[in-house]
């Protein structure tokens, strides 16, 4: 089974370079199952403090413009090591390496709409 990159389907709460403290994201794909399901909508705290175990929205370092939702596994000298909960479907730091502090945009806080389970 091939791994697939996880992109944020829709992201709101950021406008014209100005960041609002909270936004929302829609989960796309299976890399974070079972914790997050495709179609789930989450409230994100932009520029929040990041800790090991948090689920974050980050810019993928090897594909500019692609956002990913991953769990913070550890801090390394080069930045945060991000992993998917479902390794069979996840392109994560094992593929693209550590993610710089600046590339971690926010932390998922609350799910407010559950995706439809197929």
Protein backbone atom coordinates (compact mmCIF):
# COMPACT_ATOMS: atom_id res chain seq x y z
CA UNK A 1 0.00 0.00 0.00
CA UNK A 2 1.53 3.31 -1.06
CA UNK A 3 1.93 6.17 1.37
CA UNK A 4 0.07 9.37 0.57
CA UNK A 5 0.86 12.90 1.67
CA UNK A 6 -1.74 14.52 3.89
CA UNK A 7 -2.89 17.94 2.79
CA UNK A 8 -5.23 20.28 4.54
CA UNK A 9 -8.25 20.50 2.27
CA UNK A 10 -9.40 23.92 3.40
CA UNK A 11 -7.82 26.36 5.77
CA UNK A 12 -9.42 29.52 7.10
CA UNK A 13 -8.57 32.15 9.64
CA UNK A 14 -5.63 33.73 7.83
CA UNK A 15 -6.20 36.73 5.63
CA UNK A 16 -3.80 38.93 3.71
CA UNK A 17 -0.76 38.02 5.78
CA UNK A 18 -2.60 38.87 8.99
CA UNK A 19 -3.25 35.93 11.25
CA UNK A 20 -6.32 35.52 13.35
CA UNK A 21 -5.67 33.50 16.52
CA UNK A 22 -8.01 30.68 15.47
CA UNK A 23 -8.95 29.11 12.18
CA UNK A 24 -10.27 25.82 10.89
CA UNK A 25 -8.98 22.97 8.80
CA UNK A 26 -10.59 20.06 7.04
CA UNK A 27 -8.76 16.74 7.26
CA UNK A 28 -8.01 15.02 3.94
CA UNK A 29 -6.72 11.45 3.68
CA UNK A 30 -5.97 8.62 6.09
CA UNK A 31 -2.53 9.36 7.55
CA UNK A 32 -3.86 10.40 10.97
CA UNK A 33 -6.41 7.60 11.49
CA UNK A 34 -7.80 6.67 13.92
CA UNK A 35 -7.44 10.00 15.77
CA UNK A 36 -8.55 12.10 12.78
CA UNK A 37 -10.80 11.00 9.95
CA UNK A 38 -11.10 12.35 6.42
CA UNK A 39 -13.79 15.03 6.42
CA UNK A 40 -13.29 16.04 10.07
CA UNK A 41 -13.20 19.79 10.69
CA UNK A 42 -10.93 21.10 13.46
CA UNK A 43 -10.36 24.45 15.12
CA UNK A 44 -6.66 25.40 14.94
CA UNK A 45 -4.80 27.79 17.22
CA UNK A 46 -2.35 29.56 14.90
CA UNK A 47 1.15 30.17 16.26
CA UNK A 48 0.38 28.21 19.41
CA UNK A 49 3.13 26.69 21.54
CA UNK A 50 4.03 23.26 20.27
CA UNK A 51 4.73 20.25 22.48
CA UNK A 52 5.50 16.60 21.85
CA UNK A 53 2.20 14.79 21.27
CA UNK A 54 0.41 17.79 19.71
CA UNK A 55 -1.23 17.45 16.30
CA UNK A 56 -0.10 20.36 14.14
CA UNK A 57 -0.59 22.02 10.78
CA UNK A 58 2.78 22.48 9.11
CA UNK A 59 4.28 23.39 5.77
CA UNK A 60 5.91 20.38 4.18
CA UNK A 61 9.59 21.34 3.74
CA UNK A 62 10.19 19.48 0.47
CA UNK A 63 6.97 20.66 -1.24
CA UNK A 64 6.43 24.41 -0.81
CA UNK A 65 2.79 25.32 -0.45
CA UNK A 66 1.68 21.87 0.71
CA UNK A 67 0.29 21.80 4.24
CA UNK A 68 0.23 18.64 6.33
CA UNK A 69 -1.45 17.59 9.56
CA UNK A 70 0.86 15.42 11.70
CA UNK A 71 1.67 14.54 15.29
CA UNK A 72 4.80 15.99 16.93
CA UNK A 73 6.98 13.01 17.88
CA UNK A 74 10.06 14.80 19.17
CA UNK A 75 12.26 17.87 18.97
CA UNK A 76 15.56 17.55 17.15
CA UNK A 77 18.32 20.09 16.51
CA UNK A 78 16.93 20.69 13.00
CA UNK A 79 13.34 21.19 14.21
CA UNK A 80 10.21 19.16 14.94
CA UNK A 81 9.93 15.49 13.92
CA UNK A 82 6.38 14.94 12.67
CA UNK A 83 4.70 11.58 12.13
CA UNK A 84 1.37 10.26 10.94
CA UNK A 85 -0.58 7.97 13.25
CA UNK A 86 -1.32 5.59 10.36
CA UNK A 87 2.15 4.75 9.01
CA UNK A 88 0.79 2.78 6.04
CA UNK A 89 -0.74 5.99 4.62
CA UNK A 90 1.66 8.65 5.88
CA UNK A 91 4.42 10.66 4.27
CA UNK A 92 5.97 12.33 7.28
CA UNK A 93 9.37 13.30 8.71
CA UNK A 94 10.59 9.82 7.82
CA UNK A 95 10.28 11.03 4.20
CA UNK A 96 10.85 14.81 4.37
CA UNK A 97 12.93 15.19 7.54
CA UNK A 98 12.55 17.57 10.46
CA UNK A 99 10.29 20.60 10.09
CA UNK A 100 11.60 24.00 11.16
CA UNK A 101 9.88 25.88 13.96
CA UNK A 102 8.67 28.54 11.50
CA UNK A 103 7.02 25.91 9.29
CA UNK A 104 4.73 24.73 12.10
CA UNK A 105 1.73 27.04 11.69
CA UNK A 106 -0.64 25.93 14.44
CA UNK A 107 -1.98 23.28 16.78
CA UNK A 108 -5.29 21.46 16.37
CA UNK A 109 -7.49 22.18 19.41
CA UNK A 110 -11.09 20.97 18.92
CA UNK A 111 -12.99 18.89 16.41
CA UNK A 112 -16.29 20.59 15.67
CA UNK A 113 -17.57 18.44 12.83
CA UNK A 114 -16.94 14.75 12.30
CA UNK A 115 -16.33 13.45 8.80
CA UNK A 116 -18.57 10.85 7.25
CA UNK A 117 -17.25 7.35 7.79
CA UNK A 118 -17.32 5.30 4.58
